[in-house]
Protein backbone atom coordinates (compact mmCIF):
# COMPACT_ATOMS: atom_id res chain seq x y z
CA MET A 1 79.23 -65.84 -26.78
CA THR A 2 77.81 -62.48 -27.91
CA ASP A 3 75.45 -60.20 -26.05
CA THR A 4 71.94 -60.92 -27.39
CA THR A 5 70.54 -57.50 -26.55
CA THR A 6 72.94 -55.62 -28.81
CA ASN A 7 72.80 -58.08 -31.70
CA ALA A 8 69.14 -59.04 -31.53
CA TYR A 9 67.26 -59.04 -34.82
CA LEU A 10 63.97 -57.23 -35.15
CA PRO A 11 61.57 -57.31 -38.08
CA PRO A 12 62.06 -54.50 -40.65
CA ILE A 13 59.18 -52.51 -39.15
CA PHE A 14 61.31 -51.93 -36.05
CA GLY A 15 64.64 -51.55 -37.83
CA SER A 16 67.28 -54.16 -38.51
CA ARG A 17 68.96 -54.18 -35.09
CA LEU A 18 68.48 -52.82 -31.61
CA ALA A 19 70.45 -49.75 -30.71
CA PRO A 20 73.67 -50.55 -28.88
CA ALA A 21 73.87 -49.89 -25.17
CA PRO A 22 74.88 -46.28 -24.47
CA THR A 23 78.56 -45.76 -23.80
CA PRO A 24 79.75 -43.86 -20.74
CA ALA A 25 80.65 -40.91 -23.00
CA ALA A 26 77.08 -40.84 -24.41
CA GLN A 27 75.66 -40.98 -20.90
CA SER A 28 77.77 -38.01 -19.83
CA LYS A 29 76.58 -36.06 -22.91
CA ALA A 30 72.98 -36.77 -21.94
CA GLU A 31 73.66 -35.64 -18.38
CA THR A 32 75.31 -32.47 -19.71
CA ALA A 33 72.27 -31.78 -21.89
CA ARG A 34 69.94 -32.28 -18.90
CA ALA A 35 72.06 -29.89 -16.85
CA ALA A 36 71.87 -27.27 -19.60
CA VAL A 37 68.08 -27.57 -19.68
CA GLN A 38 67.97 -27.31 -15.91
CA ARG A 39 70.01 -24.08 -16.05
CA ASN A 40 67.43 -22.60 -18.43
CA ILE A 41 64.65 -23.28 -15.97
CA THR A 42 64.26 -20.83 -13.14
CA GLN A 43 62.38 -21.41 -9.93
CA ASP A 44 60.23 -18.46 -8.89
CA GLY A 45 57.99 -18.57 -5.84
CA GLY A 46 57.54 -22.31 -5.92
CA SER A 47 56.51 -22.41 -9.58
CA ILE A 48 58.87 -23.63 -12.24
CA ARG A 49 58.83 -21.80 -15.54
CA SER A 50 60.97 -21.66 -18.61
CA SER A 51 63.27 -18.69 -19.03
CA GLU A 52 61.88 -18.17 -22.54
CA PRO A 53 58.37 -16.74 -22.87
CA THR A 54 55.77 -19.18 -24.11
CA GLU A 55 53.38 -17.53 -26.51
CA LYS A 56 50.56 -19.17 -28.34
CA PRO A 57 51.21 -19.29 -32.06
CA ALA A 58 49.14 -16.88 -34.12
CA ARG A 59 45.86 -18.38 -35.22
CA ARG A 60 45.78 -19.10 -38.90
CA THR A 61 42.96 -17.56 -40.87
CA ARG A 62 41.73 -18.05 -44.36
CA GLY A 63 43.00 -15.66 -46.96
CA LYS A 64 40.85 -13.49 -49.19
CA GLN A 65 38.88 -15.50 -51.73
CA ARG A 66 39.57 -14.92 -55.41
CA ARG A 67 35.87 -14.98 -56.21
CA PRO A 68 33.66 -14.79 -53.15
CA THR A 69 30.95 -17.39 -53.58
CA LYS A 70 28.87 -16.46 -50.57
CA GLU A 71 28.08 -13.32 -48.63
CA GLN A 72 27.97 -13.20 -44.86
CA VAL A 73 24.80 -11.68 -43.44
CA THR A 74 23.13 -11.49 -40.07
CA LEU A 75 19.59 -12.77 -40.08
CA ARG A 76 17.09 -13.17 -37.26
CA LEU A 77 14.77 -16.14 -37.64
CA ASP A 78 11.99 -17.55 -35.52
CA PRO A 79 13.05 -20.43 -33.26
CA ASP A 80 10.60 -22.84 -34.89
CA VAL A 81 12.11 -22.16 -38.35
CA ILE A 82 15.62 -22.85 -37.05
CA ALA A 83 14.39 -25.98 -35.23
CA TYR A 84 12.81 -27.23 -38.47
CA PHE A 85 16.01 -26.89 -40.50
CA LYS A 86 18.21 -28.27 -37.72
CA GLY A 87 15.88 -31.25 -37.29
CA ASP A 88 17.64 -34.32 -35.93
CA ASP A 89 21.03 -33.34 -37.41
CA PRO A 90 22.24 -29.84 -36.48
CA LYS A 91 25.13 -30.13 -38.95
CA GLY A 92 24.38 -28.58 -42.31
CA TRP A 93 21.25 -26.70 -41.29
CA GLN A 94 22.48 -23.49 -42.92
CA THR A 95 23.04 -25.32 -46.20
CA ARG A 96 19.53 -26.79 -46.01
CA LEU A 97 18.11 -23.33 -45.32
CA ASN A 98 20.06 -21.89 -48.26
CA THR A 99 18.74 -24.63 -50.56
CA ALA A 100 15.14 -23.97 -49.46
CA LEU A 101 15.54 -20.23 -50.03
CA ARG A 102 17.07 -20.82 -53.46
CA GLN A 103 14.13 -23.05 -54.41
CA SER A 104 11.68 -20.38 -53.23
CA VAL A 105 13.43 -17.77 -55.35
CA ARG A 106 13.23 -20.06 -58.42
CA ASP A 107 9.52 -20.66 -57.80
CA LEU A 108 8.86 -16.91 -57.46
CA LYS A 109 10.73 -16.21 -60.70
CA ARG A 110 8.64 -18.84 -62.55
CA GLN A 111 5.42 -17.31 -61.24
CA ARG A 112 6.40 -13.89 -62.57
CA THR A 113 7.03 -15.11 -66.11
């Protein structure tokens, strides 16, 4: 009779067969790897830390645009104007404000001609 845990069939989503039970040699390799990791960890004043410094990766930023489509400006507006454009949905309020300003500019240009 064969061992059912090593020859058990699983559907293709899980692979064709279960992994065989680890051999004693594989277990000793795992223990050796754990010991190597433990050697790299130092204990200092009750806190455990890695011997290698942990730095946050540099934050990625957008590169320079080929053709800038918008210009960044600082603008002070009355709170009631901001509240109007934010309305019930605060997302997209700057786009709504930009659209309203663009429409005002078009209307002013039509009045001049």
